[in-house]
Amino acid sequence: MPFRKKHQFAAIVQNTCMITLAYFIDPFLEAPASLQDQAFLDAIPDLAARLPDYRHIALTTFPGISLDAGADSALRLTVLPLPRYSLLGKKAAMLQSLRKWLAAEDVKLFFTSDPELVFPHAGHTLLVTSAAKLLQKAPGGKLLGKKNTTGWMAASRIIVPHEADRTRLLSAFPGLENKIKVIYPAFQEPVPSLGWSEQEQVKLRYSGGRDYLIFAGALDKSHDLVNLLRSYSLFKKWLMTGMPIILAGPATDYTPEFEKLLESYKYNSDVSLFPNPGEDELKEMLAGAYALVWPAEGTNDAWPIEWAFHAGTPVISTDHAGIRELCSGAALLSSAGDLDQMAQNLMILYKDEHLRARLIEKGRERALELNRETTLNQYANSILELCGR
């Protein structure tokens, strides 16, 4: 993790004649940070390394942040000075400071994931967001106490994760056709697959040597874990199987409530809960699993699916536009809330080893298309296009 708190940071002196790129990193630092946000944050130094002819600045308002960077790093860290007192309010005061800083540093491209930090300035703005975030608010707003008639539409380039996002935005704002680009944020490091003996060792550690299913992801209400267990109950009832299920990932405020619910669950002896496992441990669990079961309403924090594709673990998920696009035929999908259909998909996968092998192969093919290197190259090319090189 290159960005840390309360760690000494040695600033790198850059050639001030270089074109300056600034990355606003606060949204990726704010708690609770997800693994997806951390992966995005960790990718910024690697993105900077792909563009060595530019001056790169990671910009934050948090004074306790530091950057672990080598002497040859193309990236340096700057804390945006904010007024101690302001009658404008916190957001407006930050906008005022940001506008002054962008002008003083002669920033050619400002990289942000916050639609409220998009406003006209001398350089370009690259906004990384989603259709859902943009469509929930009007484009305009207040800028330094005055009406801002453009708002996020002033961005030079808007990067969204799916074609479905692009389609939704263009249906509402057809004039943005030349501004919107689709880049799926596959910033996760690939998860290596395990050999047979390694898989057996993993199963011994986590499931008593049995094949197991896994849900990997935040232990949050948004993932509909209760309905997942209801489908798992049907699967066990129909096949009379003892295959256990592991639920592992970052704990949330909902996790204690879910733990209480598990106490009265009929098959609780076959359910293992692992709140806050280490990242390496979670990757090992997923790589050793018989299948990943990942119900969700969208692709927010869809890193477990990326991990599964790389590791060679079959995926069962929800039939949602973003998930369909992400998986591209490399997963079994069921309608949201359809317990029978998800249970049937579990049963079909359990009975058909040829289908399981095909899903593994399709997942690996998908991993060749959606991966960290490809994503970084796409972002670098967008920056080069905007900066005229």
Protein backbone atom coordinates (compact mmCIF):
# COMPACT_ATOMS: atom_id res chain seq x y z
CA MET A 1 0.00 0.00 0.00
CA PRO A 2 1.85 3.15 -1.12
CA PHE A 3 -0.38 5.61 0.77
CA ARG A 4 -0.11 5.41 4.56
CA LYS A 5 -0.96 7.42 7.65
CA LYS A 6 1.63 8.98 9.95
CA HIS A 7 4.68 7.80 8.04
CA GLN A 8 7.62 9.94 7.06
CA PHE A 9 7.47 11.07 3.44
CA ALA A 10 10.38 12.44 1.48
CA ALA A 11 9.15 14.72 -1.29
CA ILE A 12 10.59 14.25 -4.75
CA VAL A 13 11.63 17.43 -6.54
CA GLN A 14 10.15 17.43 -10.03
CA ASN A 15 10.93 19.41 -13.13
CA THR A 16 8.43 22.27 -12.99
CA CYS A 17 8.48 22.52 -16.79
CA MET A 18 6.71 19.19 -17.05
CA ILE A 19 2.97 18.95 -17.65
CA THR A 20 1.29 18.49 -14.26
CA LEU A 21 -1.35 15.87 -13.47
CA ALA A 22 -3.15 15.94 -10.10
CA TYR A 23 -5.07 13.02 -8.55
CA PHE A 24 -7.54 13.87 -5.78
CA ILE A 25 -7.30 10.84 -3.48
CA ASP A 26 -9.56 11.73 -0.53
CA PRO A 27 -12.56 9.59 -1.66
CA PHE A 28 -10.29 6.53 -1.69
CA LEU A 29 -8.99 7.29 1.81
CA GLU A 30 -12.26 7.95 3.58
CA ALA A 31 -13.48 5.22 5.93
CA PRO A 32 -14.76 2.64 5.57
CA ALA A 33 -12.33 1.98 2.74
CA SER A 34 -13.23 -0.97 0.51
CA LEU A 35 -10.73 -3.30 -1.14
CA GLN A 36 -11.85 -1.86 -4.48
CA ASP A 37 -11.04 1.69 -3.33
CA GLN A 38 -7.70 0.55 -1.93
CA ALA A 39 -6.86 -1.18 -5.21
CA PHE A 40 -7.68 2.03 -7.11
CA LEU A 41 -5.48 4.01 -4.73
CA ASP A 42 -2.61 1.55 -5.00
CA ALA A 43 -2.79 1.76 -8.79
CA ILE A 44 -2.06 5.50 -8.95
CA PRO A 45 1.75 5.14 -8.55
CA ASP A 46 1.75 2.48 -11.27
CA LEU A 47 -0.32 4.73 -13.52
CA ALA A 48 2.17 7.56 -12.89
CA ALA A 49 5.05 5.23 -13.77
CA ARG A 50 3.47 4.65 -17.19
CA LEU A 51 3.65 8.39 -17.89
CA PRO A 52 7.22 9.35 -16.88
CA ASP A 53 7.25 12.56 -18.91
CA TYR A 54 4.61 14.14 -16.65
CA ARG A 55 4.71 15.65 -13.18
CA HIS A 56 2.31 13.65 -10.97
CA ILE A 57 0.78 14.92 -7.73
CA ALA A 58 -1.44 12.94 -5.36
CA LEU A 59 -3.61 15.61 -3.72
CA THR A 60 -5.29 15.22 -0.32
CA THR A 61 -6.79 17.37 2.43
CA PHE A 62 -5.77 14.85 5.13
CA PRO A 63 -2.56 16.00 6.86
CA GLY A 64 -1.85 12.54 8.34
CA ILE A 65 -1.34 10.84 4.98
CA SER A 66 2.09 9.95 3.58
CA LEU A 67 3.42 8.24 0.49
CA ASP A 68 5.91 5.38 0.49
CA ALA A 69 7.78 6.07 -2.73
CA GLY A 70 11.22 5.24 -4.04
CA ALA A 71 13.67 7.84 -5.28
CA ASP A 72 12.67 7.09 -8.87
CA SER A 73 8.92 7.50 -8.25
CA ALA A 74 7.08 9.79 -10.66
CA LEU A 75 4.52 10.65 -7.96
CA ARG A 76 4.67 13.03 -5.03
CA LEU A 77 2.13 13.87 -2.35
CA THR A 78 0.69 17.33 -1.59
CA VAL A 79 -1.68 18.33 1.19
CA LEU A 80 -4.16 20.94 -0.02
CA PRO A 81 -4.11 23.83 2.47
CA LEU A 82 -7.59 24.65 3.74
CA PRO A 83 -8.62 27.76 5.70
CA ARG A 84 -9.04 27.14 9.41
CA TYR A 85 -12.22 29.19 9.46
CA SER A 86 -14.54 30.02 6.57
CA LEU A 87 -18.01 31.51 6.23
CA LEU A 88 -18.49 29.58 2.98
CA GLY A 89 -18.85 26.14 4.55
CA LYS A 90 -16.46 23.18 4.31
CA LYS A 91 -17.20 22.12 0.72
CA ALA A 92 -17.20 25.63 -0.72
CA ALA A 93 -14.00 26.48 1.14
CA MET A 94 -12.32 23.38 -0.30
CA LEU A 95 -13.49 24.31 -3.80
CA GLN A 96 -12.05 27.78 -3.38
CA SER A 97 -8.71 26.41 -2.18
CA LEU A 98 -8.70 23.80 -4.94
CA ARG A 99 -9.32 26.36 -7.68
CA LYS A 100 -6.45 28.51 -6.42
CA TRP A 101 -4.14 25.51 -6.12
CA LEU A 102 -4.91 24.22 -9.64
CA ALA A 103 -4.06 27.65 -11.05
CA ALA A 104 -0.89 28.06 -8.98
CA GLU A 105 0.41 24.61 -9.95
CA ASP A 106 -0.67 25.03 -13.60
CA VAL A 107 -2.40 21.65 -13.53
CA LYS A 108 -3.08 20.35 -17.02
CA LEU A 109 -5.33 17.47 -15.89
CA PHE A 110 -7.27 17.06 -12.63
CA PHE A 111 -8.32 13.48 -11.84
CA THR A 112 -11.29 13.08 -9.46
CA SER A 113 -14.06 10.66 -8.55
CA ASP A 114 -16.16 13.38 -6.87
CA PRO A 115 -18.74 14.94 -9.25
CA GLU A 116 -18.96 17.97 -6.92
CA LEU A 117 -15.31 18.80 -7.60
CA VAL A 118 -15.84 19.33 -11.31
CA PHE A 119 -15.80 22.95 -12.43
CA PRO A 120 -14.31 24.95 -15.32
CA HIS A 121 -10.61 25.74 -14.93
CA ALA A 122 -7.59 26.24 -17.17
CA GLY A 123 -6.88 22.51 -17.50
CA HIS A 124 -8.87 19.35 -18.12
CA THR A 125 -10.90 17.33 -15.61
CA LEU A 126 -11.11 13.53 -15.80
CA LEU A 127 -14.09 12.29 -13.76
CA VAL A 128 -14.27 8.62 -12.72
CA THR A 129 -17.80 7.75 -11.62
CA SER A 130 -20.95 5.80 -12.49
CA ALA A 131 -24.32 6.62 -14.04
CA ALA A 132 -26.06 6.00 -10.71
CA LYS A 133 -23.98 8.66 -8.96
CA LEU A 134 -24.52 11.24 -11.69
CA LEU A 135 -28.21 10.67 -12.32
CA GLN A 136 -29.17 11.04 -8.66
CA LYS A 137 -28.36 14.74 -8.79
CA ALA A 138 -28.80 17.59 -11.27
CA PRO A 139 -25.69 18.56 -13.25
CA GLY A 140 -25.54 22.05 -11.76
CA GLY A 141 -25.13 23.22 -8.21
CA LYS A 142 -23.43 25.91 -6.16
CA LEU A 143 -19.85 26.92 -6.84
CA LEU A 144 -18.38 29.37 -4.33
CA GLY A 145 -21.87 30.58 -3.47
CA LYS A 146 -22.88 31.16 -7.10
CA LYS A 147 -24.98 29.12 -9.51
CA ASN A 148 -22.86 26.58 -11.39
CA THR A 149 -24.72 25.84 -14.61
CA THR A 150 -22.45 23.04 -15.79
CA GLY A 151 -21.46 21.06 -12.70
CA TRP A 152 -20.03 17.62 -13.50
CA MET A 153 -20.86 18.12 -17.19
CA ALA A 154 -17.83 20.44 -17.35
CA ALA A 155 -15.58 17.35 -17.15
CA SER A 156 -13.42 16.85 -20.22
CA ARG A 157 -13.74 13.07 -19.93
CA ILE A 158 -16.18 10.95 -17.88
CA ILE A 159 -15.04 7.38 -17.27
CA VAL A 160 -17.73 4.85 -16.28
CA PRO A 161 -17.37 1.10 -15.59
CA HIS A 162 -19.95 -0.34 -18.02
CA GLU A 163 -21.59 0.21 -21.37
CA ALA A 164 -24.86 0.16 -19.42
CA ASP A 165 -23.67 3.28 -17.55
CA ARG A 166 -22.84 5.00 -20.82
CA THR A 167 -26.23 4.11 -22.29
CA ARG A 168 -28.10 5.47 -19.23
CA LEU A 169 -26.18 8.73 -19.28
CA LEU A 170 -26.61 9.25 -23.01
CA SER A 171 -30.35 8.67 -22.77
CA ALA A 172 -30.52 11.61 -20.34
CA PHE A 173 -27.70 13.73 -21.80
CA PRO A 174 -27.12 12.85 -25.49
CA GLY A 175 -24.69 15.74 -25.87
CA LEU A 176 -22.12 13.87 -23.76
CA GLU A 177 -21.46 11.21 -26.40
CA ASN A 178 -17.87 12.30 -27.06
CA LYS A 179 -17.02 12.71 -23.38
CA ILE A 180 -18.01 9.33 -21.95
CA LYS A 181 -15.56 6.42 -22.04
CA VAL A 182 -16.06 2.93 -20.62
CA ILE A 183 -13.19 1.44 -18.60
CA TYR A 184 -13.95 -1.30 -16.12
CA PRO A 185 -11.88 -0.66 -12.94
CA ALA A 186 -10.07 -4.00 -12.81
CA PHE A 187 -7.33 -2.73 -10.48
CA GLN A 188 -7.12 -5.87 -8.34
CA GLU A 189 -3.89 -7.85 -8.34
CA PRO A 190 -4.52 -11.25 -9.99
CA VAL A 191 -5.14 -14.22 -7.71
CA PRO A 192 -3.02 -17.24 -8.66
CA SER A 193 -4.77 -20.55 -9.11
CA LEU A 194 -3.92 -23.44 -6.81
CA GLY A 195 -2.65 -26.87 -7.76
CA TRP A 196 -4.46 -30.01 -6.61
CA SER A 197 -2.30 -30.56 -3.51
CA GLU A 198 -2.58 -26.87 -2.55
CA GLN A 199 -6.37 -27.01 -2.88
CA GLU A 200 -6.48 -30.07 -0.63
CA GLN A 201 -4.44 -28.26 2.02
CA VAL A 202 -6.75 -25.23 1.83
CA LYS A 203 -9.81 -27.47 2.23
CA LEU A 204 -8.25 -29.13 5.25
CA ARG A 205 -7.67 -25.73 6.85
CA TYR A 206 -11.09 -24.23 6.25
CA SER A 207 -13.64 -27.03 5.69
CA GLY A 208 -12.30 -30.22 7.20
CA GLY A 209 -11.14 -31.44 3.79
CA ARG A 210 -14.54 -31.08 2.09
CA ASP A 211 -15.35 -29.14 -1.07
CA TYR A 212 -16.96 -25.85 -0.06
CA LEU A 213 -18.84 -22.90 -1.50
CA ILE A 214 -17.76 -19.37 -0.66
CA PHE A 215 -19.23 -15.92 -0.49
CA ALA A 216 -16.38 -13.40 -0.51
CA GLY A 217 -17.15 -9.74 0.03
CA ALA A 218 -18.30 -7.22 2.59
CA LEU A 219 -20.51 -8.88 5.20
CA ASP A 220 -23.19 -6.31 4.57
CA LYS A 221 -26.96 -6.26 4.19
CA SER A 222 -26.65 -5.07 0.58
CA HIS A 223 -25.35 -8.52 -0.42
CA ASP A 224 -28.58 -10.18 0.74
CA LEU A 225 -26.80 -12.83 2.79
CA VAL A 226 -30.04 -14.07 4.35
CA ASN A 227 -31.52 -14.98 0.97
CA LEU A 228 -28.19 -16.51 0.00
CA LEU A 229 -28.50 -18.88 2.94
CA ARG A 230 -32.12 -19.64 2.03
CA SER A 231 -30.96 -20.73 -1.43
CA TYR A 232 -28.17 -22.73 0.19
CA SER A 233 -30.81 -24.46 2.35
CA LEU A 234 -32.76 -25.48 -0.76
CA PHE A 235 -29.56 -26.74 -2.39
CA LYS A 236 -28.78 -28.93 0.63
CA LYS A 237 -32.37 -30.17 0.85
CA TRP A 238 -32.59 -31.11 -2.83
CA LEU A 239 -29.25 -32.89 -3.04
CA MET A 240 -28.79 -34.05 0.55
CA THR A 241 -25.22 -32.79 0.35
CA GLY A 242 -22.91 -31.93 3.21
CA MET A 243 -21.00 -29.31 1.19
CA PRO A 244 -20.39 -26.37 3.59
CA ILE A 245 -20.34 -22.68 2.78
CA ILE A 246 -17.86 -20.04 3.92
CA LEU A 247 -18.84 -16.38 4.28
CA ALA A 248 -15.71 -14.24 4.41
CA GLY A 249 -14.85 -10.59 3.98
CA PRO A 250 -14.69 -7.17 5.61
CA ALA A 251 -17.03 -6.79 8.60
CA THR A 252 -19.62 -4.00 8.61
CA ASP A 253 -22.17 -2.59 11.08
CA TYR A 254 -24.54 -5.32 9.88
CA THR A 255 -22.16 -8.20 10.69
CA PRO A 256 -23.07 -8.59 14.42
CA GLU A 257 -26.78 -8.70 13.51
CA PHE A 258 -26.06 -11.34 10.88
CA GLU A 259 -24.05 -13.40 13.39
CA LYS A 260 -27.10 -13.42 15.66
CA LEU A 261 -29.31 -14.61 12.81
CA LEU A 262 -26.88 -17.46 12.10
CA GLU A 263 -27.37 -18.86 15.59
CA SER A 264 -30.92 -19.93 14.70
CA TYR A 265 -30.10 -21.06 11.13
CA LYS A 266 -30.95 -24.74 10.54
CA TYR A 267 -27.63 -25.57 8.88
CA ASN A 268 -25.40 -23.31 10.96
CA SER A 269 -22.96 -26.15 11.58
CA ASP A 270 -22.14 -26.07 7.85
CA VAL A 271 -21.63 -22.29 7.76
CA SER A 272 -18.28 -20.72 8.64
CA LEU A 273 -18.08 -16.97 9.11
CA PHE A 274 -14.72 -15.20 8.72
CA PRO A 275 -15.03 -11.45 9.41
CA ASN A 276 -12.00 -9.37 8.41
CA PRO A 277 -9.66 -12.08 7.14
CA GLY A 278 -6.29 -10.97 5.82
CA GLU A 279 -6.25 -10.31 2.08
CA ASP A 280 -3.89 -13.22 1.37
CA GLU A 281 -6.05 -15.54 3.47
CA LEU A 282 -9.21 -14.44 1.67
CA LYS A 283 -7.57 -15.01 -1.72
CA GLU A 284 -6.51 -18.47 -0.62
CA MET A 285 -10.05 -19.30 0.53
CA LEU A 286 -11.52 -18.16 -2.77
CA ALA A 287 -8.93 -19.97 -4.90
CA GLY A 288 -9.62 -23.22 -3.03
CA ALA A 289 -13.41 -23.03 -3.24
CA TYR A 290 -15.68 -25.22 -5.35
CA ALA A 291 -17.57 -22.08 -6.47
CA LEU A 292 -18.04 -18.41 -5.59
CA VAL A 293 -21.66 -17.47 -4.81
CA TRP A 294 -21.99 -13.70 -5.09
CA PRO A 295 -25.52 -12.21 -4.99
CA ALA A 296 -25.55 -8.44 -5.55
CA GLU A 297 -27.62 -5.67 -7.09
CA GLY A 298 -24.72 -4.33 -9.13
CA THR A 299 -20.96 -4.36 -9.59
CA ASN A 300 -19.93 -2.14 -6.68
CA ASP A 301 -16.98 -3.90 -5.06
CA ALA A 302 -17.14 -6.76 -7.57
CA TRP A 303 -13.51 -7.68 -6.90
CA PRO A 304 -14.44 -11.22 -5.74
CA ILE A 305 -15.63 -12.01 -9.27
CA GLU A 306 -12.35 -10.70 -10.73
CA TRP A 307 -10.43 -12.80 -8.20
CA ALA A 308 -12.47 -15.89 -9.07
CA PHE A 309 -11.84 -15.51 -12.80
CA HIS A 310 -8.08 -15.36 -12.23
CA ALA A 311 -8.05 -18.19 -9.68
CA GLY A 312 -10.16 -20.58 -11.75
CA THR A 313 -13.13 -20.62 -9.37
CA PRO A 314 -16.60 -20.84 -11.03
CA VAL A 315 -19.00 -17.96 -10.35
CA ILE A 316 -22.71 -17.92 -9.52
CA SER A 317 -24.15 -14.41 -9.30
CA THR A 318 -27.17 -12.19 -9.94
CA ASP A 319 -28.67 -11.41 -13.34
CA HIS A 320 -28.05 -7.67 -13.38
CA ALA A 321 -27.00 -5.57 -16.39
CA GLY A 322 -23.61 -4.70 -14.91
CA ILE A 323 -22.95 -8.29 -13.80
CA ARG A 324 -23.92 -9.64 -17.24
CA GLU A 325 -21.47 -7.26 -18.86
CA LEU A 326 -18.73 -8.03 -16.35
CA CYS A 327 -19.10 -11.81 -16.59
CA SER A 328 -19.85 -12.00 -20.33
CA GLY A 329 -21.09 -15.59 -20.17
CA ALA A 330 -18.50 -16.72 -17.61
CA ALA A 331 -21.00 -17.22 -14.75
CA LEU A 332 -24.36 -18.77 -13.91
CA LEU A 333 -26.81 -15.95 -13.18
CA SER A 334 -30.17 -15.91 -11.41
CA SER A 335 -32.77 -13.18 -11.05
CA ALA A 336 -32.38 -11.00 -7.97
CA GLY A 337 -34.33 -12.50 -5.06
CA ASP A 338 -35.14 -15.74 -6.92
CA LEU A 339 -34.13 -18.30 -4.28
CA ASP A 340 -35.13 -21.33 -6.35
CA GLN A 341 -33.14 -20.25 -9.38
CA MET A 342 -29.96 -19.65 -7.40
CA ALA A 343 -30.40 -23.03 -5.68
CA GLN A 344 -30.95 -24.66 -9.08
CA ASN A 345 -27.74 -23.06 -10.39
CA LEU A 346 -25.87 -24.47 -7.39
CA MET A 347 -27.39 -27.90 -8.08
CA ILE A 348 -26.60 -27.78 -11.81
CA LEU A 349 -22.99 -26.82 -11.14
CA TYR A 350 -22.65 -29.56 -8.51
CA LYS A 351 -23.97 -32.23 -10.89
CA ASP A 352 -22.23 -31.14 -14.11
CA GLU A 353 -18.43 -31.16 -13.90
CA HIS A 354 -18.18 -30.40 -17.62
CA LEU A 355 -20.19 -27.20 -17.09
CA ARG A 356 -17.94 -26.31 -14.15
CA ALA A 357 -14.84 -26.79 -16.33
CA ARG A 358 -16.34 -24.61 -19.08
CA LEU A 359 -17.11 -21.82 -16.61
CA ILE A 360 -13.55 -21.96 -15.29
CA GLU A 361 -12.17 -21.67 -18.81
CA LYS A 362 -14.51 -18.79 -19.72
CA GLY A 363 -13.55 -17.03 -16.50
CA ARG A 364 -9.87 -17.27 -17.36
CA GLU A 365 -10.58 -15.92 -20.83
CA ARG A 366 -12.45 -13.02 -19.25
CA ALA A 367 -9.52 -12.39 -16.92
CA LEU A 368 -7.31 -11.88 -19.98
CA GLU A 369 -9.63 -9.06 -21.09
CA LEU A 370 -10.36 -7.50 -17.69
CA ASN A 371 -7.15 -7.18 -15.73
CA ARG A 372 -4.95 -4.61 -14.00
CA GLU A 373 -2.46 -4.12 -16.84
CA THR A 374 -5.18 -3.53 -19.42
CA THR A 375 -7.01 -1.10 -17.14
CA LEU A 376 -3.86 0.93 -16.38
CA ASN A 377 -3.03 1.14 -20.08
CA GLN A 378 -6.56 2.35 -20.89
CA TYR A 379 -6.33 5.07 -18.24
CA ALA A 380 -2.87 6.11 -19.45
CA ASN A 381 -4.17 6.39 -23.03
CA SER A 382 -7.11 8.57 -21.89
CA ILE A 383 -4.70 10.91 -20.10
CA LEU A 384 -2.46 11.11 -23.17
CA GLU A 385 -5.46 11.93 -25.38
CA LEU A 386 -6.63 14.73 -23.07
CA CYS A 387 -3.13 16.19 -22.72
CA GLY A 388 -2.56 16.18 -26.47
CA ARG A 389 0.29 13.68 -26.66
